[in-house]
Amino acid sequence: MSKKSAWAGAIVAAVGLTVGGIAVATAAEGQDGPPAAFAERHPGGPGKGGRADKAKLKDSTLVVGRVKSVETGKLVITKDDGSEVSLTTDGATKLRGGDIAGLKADQRVTVRVKDGKALNVALAKAQTRGTVKDVNGNNATLVQVDGLQTPLDLSAVTEKPKNGDLVAVTGTVSDGKTIKVDKLRQLPK
């Protein structure tokens, strides 16, 4: 096959895929606009920023730290610099992956704040890798590459590692030092 023939074939295929893709997209949209799945994933709709609440987040700030206390309508965070901030909450305050009342003291969080009100709260994820030692039921210790030792809570992991396994873990820090592992991946030795 010559280079000209190969290029011509590639161009014909690209045009065919483009035209076919437009036809499929048009058929999927129907006469009433984009499909419902698109609207759910992209609340701003086509051509918009994709965030219905973008204006609400304007001029907001992030607070990073540990939960000191949670009460109805109030969340107190101890920031990384040691200072405390008291934030108001309401039914519109979102906790990624749960209910705001489910927060516990000492959980590490990132909070989007505007005018003293917590808009969104996310549990900070811990990620690390190292060698597992001292496996005892749902508890183990991870010796990281730099030599630091981190306690692991393996209660949410179905396949427990063995002593000497090299792993990568992801989870949340529950008590300021223990990683409650929600994902564990074996690494090659």
Protein backbone atom coordinates (compact mmCIF):
# COMPACT_ATOMS: atom_id res chain seq x y z
CA MET A 1 0.00 0.00 0.00
CA SER A 2 1.41 3.41 -0.92
CA LYS A 3 1.65 6.35 1.44
CA LYS A 4 -1.01 8.22 -0.57
CA SER A 5 -3.43 5.31 -0.27
CA ALA A 6 -2.79 5.01 3.45
CA TRP A 7 -3.40 8.75 4.00
CA ALA A 8 -6.54 8.70 1.88
CA GLY A 9 -7.87 5.72 3.87
CA ALA A 10 -7.12 7.45 7.17
CA ILE A 11 -8.90 10.64 6.09
CA VAL A 12 -11.97 8.71 4.88
CA ALA A 13 -12.08 6.81 8.19
CA ALA A 14 -11.77 10.03 10.23
CA VAL A 15 -14.56 11.73 8.26
CA GLY A 16 -16.74 8.63 8.64
CA LEU A 17 -16.18 8.49 12.41
CA THR A 18 -16.86 12.21 12.78
CA VAL A 19 -20.08 12.11 10.75
CA GLY A 20 -21.16 8.90 12.47
CA GLY A 21 -20.41 10.40 15.88
CA ILE A 22 -22.47 13.49 15.12
CA ALA A 23 -25.37 11.33 13.95
CA VAL A 24 -25.23 9.22 17.12
CA ALA A 25 -24.98 12.30 19.34
CA THR A 26 -27.91 13.97 17.56
CA ALA A 27 -30.02 10.83 17.87
CA ALA A 28 -29.15 10.53 21.58
CA GLU A 29 -30.13 14.15 22.28
CA GLY A 30 -33.57 13.87 20.77
CA GLN A 31 -35.61 16.99 20.13
CA ASP A 32 -35.69 18.20 23.73
CA GLY A 33 -31.94 18.80 24.16
CA PRO A 34 -29.17 16.76 25.75
CA PRO A 35 -29.87 13.39 27.38
CA ALA A 36 -30.72 13.27 31.08
CA ALA A 37 -27.39 11.60 31.94
CA PHE A 38 -25.52 14.58 30.52
CA ALA A 39 -27.63 16.99 32.51
CA GLU A 40 -27.01 15.04 35.73
CA ARG A 41 -23.23 14.96 35.30
CA HIS A 42 -22.96 18.52 33.99
CA PRO A 43 -25.58 20.65 35.74
CA GLY A 44 -24.53 23.74 33.81
CA GLY A 45 -25.52 22.06 30.53
CA PRO A 46 -23.61 22.11 27.27
CA GLY A 47 -21.32 25.07 26.76
CA LYS A 48 -21.58 26.11 30.42
CA GLY A 49 -19.05 25.71 33.20
CA GLY A 50 -20.55 22.43 34.37
CA ARG A 51 -21.18 23.71 37.91
CA ALA A 52 -24.61 24.98 38.78
CA ASP A 53 -23.30 26.38 42.09
CA LYS A 54 -20.18 28.12 40.74
CA ALA A 55 -21.48 31.54 41.75
CA LYS A 56 -22.09 30.24 45.28
CA LEU A 57 -18.41 29.20 45.53
CA LYS A 58 -17.10 32.57 44.34
CA ASP A 59 -15.11 34.34 47.06
CA SER A 60 -15.07 31.21 49.23
CA THR A 61 -11.97 29.92 51.01
CA LEU A 62 -10.65 26.57 52.13
CA VAL A 63 -10.11 25.57 55.75
CA VAL A 64 -7.93 22.51 56.31
CA GLY A 65 -7.58 20.84 59.66
CA ARG A 66 -9.12 18.40 62.14
CA VAL A 67 -12.68 18.28 63.42
CA LYS A 68 -12.78 19.47 67.03
CA SER A 69 -16.55 19.14 67.45
CA VAL A 70 -19.77 18.75 65.50
CA GLU A 71 -23.13 19.94 66.77
CA THR A 72 -26.39 20.73 65.04
CA GLY A 73 -25.71 23.88 63.05
CA LYS A 74 -22.07 24.18 64.13
CA LEU A 75 -18.72 22.69 63.08
CA VAL A 76 -15.49 23.58 64.90
CA ILE A 77 -12.19 22.92 63.09
CA THR A 78 -8.69 23.06 64.55
CA LYS A 79 -6.63 24.37 61.65
CA ASP A 80 -3.13 23.13 60.90
CA ASP A 81 -1.63 26.26 62.48
CA GLY A 82 -3.36 25.41 65.80
CA SER A 83 -6.04 28.10 65.63
CA GLU A 84 -9.71 27.20 65.78
CA VAL A 85 -12.52 28.28 63.49
CA SER A 86 -16.21 27.90 64.25
CA LEU A 87 -18.43 27.45 61.19
CA THR A 88 -22.18 27.35 60.79
CA THR A 89 -23.83 24.44 58.96
CA ASP A 90 -27.32 23.77 57.67
CA GLY A 91 -29.20 21.35 55.44
CA ALA A 92 -27.36 22.70 52.39
CA THR A 93 -23.91 21.88 53.84
CA LYS A 94 -22.63 18.86 51.91
CA LEU A 95 -20.29 16.14 53.16
CA ARG A 96 -18.76 14.22 50.28
CA GLY A 97 -19.80 10.61 50.75
CA GLY A 98 -21.96 11.00 53.84
CA ASP A 99 -23.92 13.04 56.33
CA ILE A 100 -22.38 15.98 58.18
CA ALA A 101 -23.64 14.53 61.49
CA GLY A 102 -21.41 11.50 60.83
CA LEU A 103 -18.22 13.54 61.28
CA LYS A 104 -16.15 12.62 64.31
CA ALA A 105 -13.56 14.47 66.36
CA ASP A 106 -9.99 14.27 65.01
CA GLN A 107 -11.02 13.46 61.43
CA ARG A 108 -8.95 15.45 58.96
CA VAL A 109 -11.13 17.55 56.66
CA THR A 110 -11.08 20.18 53.96
CA VAL A 111 -13.95 22.65 54.23
CA ARG A 112 -15.10 25.16 51.59
CA VAL A 113 -16.23 28.26 53.58
CA LYS A 114 -18.06 31.44 52.62
CA ASP A 115 -19.12 34.13 55.10
CA GLY A 116 -18.52 31.82 58.08
CA LYS A 117 -20.71 29.03 56.66
CA ALA A 118 -19.42 25.58 55.71
CA LEU A 119 -20.57 24.91 52.13
CA ASN A 120 -18.80 21.61 51.40
CA VAL A 121 -16.84 19.27 53.65
CA ALA A 122 -14.54 16.51 52.40
CA LEU A 123 -12.66 13.96 54.43
CA ALA A 124 -8.99 14.26 53.55
CA LYS A 125 -7.57 11.10 51.96
CA ALA A 126 -4.32 9.64 53.15
CA GLN A 127 -2.14 7.82 50.62
CA THR A 128 1.09 6.04 51.28
CA ARG A 129 3.05 2.93 50.43
CA GLY A 130 5.43 0.67 52.22
CA THR A 131 5.97 -2.75 53.78
CA VAL A 132 3.37 -4.32 56.06
CA LYS A 133 4.41 -5.69 59.45
CA ASP A 134 2.73 -6.80 62.66
CA VAL A 135 -0.54 -7.97 61.05
CA ASN A 136 -3.00 -8.82 63.82
CA GLY A 137 -6.59 -9.26 62.58
CA ASN A 138 -7.79 -5.85 61.39
CA ASN A 139 -4.68 -4.04 62.62
CA ALA A 140 -1.23 -3.76 61.09
CA THR A 141 1.71 -1.38 60.82
CA LEU A 142 3.02 0.06 57.58
CA VAL A 143 6.73 0.86 57.40
CA GLN A 144 6.99 3.61 54.80
CA VAL A 145 9.95 4.09 52.48
CA ASP A 146 11.33 6.87 54.71
CA GLY A 147 11.14 4.59 57.77
CA LEU A 148 8.07 6.14 59.37
CA GLN A 149 5.65 3.62 60.86
CA THR A 150 1.93 4.17 60.45
CA PRO A 151 -0.81 2.13 62.15
CA LEU A 152 -3.40 0.70 59.73
CA ASP A 153 -7.04 -0.19 60.35
CA LEU A 154 -7.81 -2.96 57.83
CA SER A 155 -11.45 -3.55 58.87
CA ALA A 156 -12.81 -2.30 55.51
CA VAL A 157 -10.40 -4.43 53.43
CA THR A 158 -11.58 -7.90 52.41
CA GLU A 159 -8.20 -9.33 51.42
CA LYS A 160 -5.76 -8.71 54.26
CA PRO A 161 -2.04 -8.29 53.54
CA LYS A 162 0.62 -10.50 55.10
CA ASN A 163 3.78 -9.51 56.92
CA GLY A 164 6.39 -8.41 54.39
CA ASP A 165 3.88 -7.45 51.64
CA LEU A 166 4.70 -4.27 49.74
CA VAL A 167 1.44 -2.27 49.40
CA ALA A 168 -0.07 1.07 48.47
CA VAL A 169 -2.93 2.18 50.73
CA THR A 170 -5.58 4.90 50.54
CA GLY A 171 -7.95 5.83 53.34
CA THR A 172 -8.82 8.38 55.98
CA VAL A 173 -6.99 9.25 59.17
CA SER A 174 -9.37 8.51 62.01
CA ASP A 175 -7.52 9.38 65.23
CA GLY A 176 -4.72 11.61 64.03
CA LYS A 177 -2.35 8.75 63.25
CA THR A 178 -4.16 5.55 62.14
CA ILE A 179 -5.13 5.18 58.48
CA LYS A 180 -8.53 3.52 58.08
CA VAL A 181 -7.76 1.78 54.79
CA ASP A 182 -10.46 1.74 52.13
CA LYS A 183 -8.20 0.65 49.23
CA LEU A 184 -5.19 -1.60 49.39
CA ARG A 185 -3.13 -2.55 46.35
CA GLN A 186 -0.36 -5.14 46.36
CA LEU A 187 2.84 -3.85 44.74
CA PRO A 188 5.43 -6.03 43.03
CA LYS A 189 8.49 -6.81 45.15
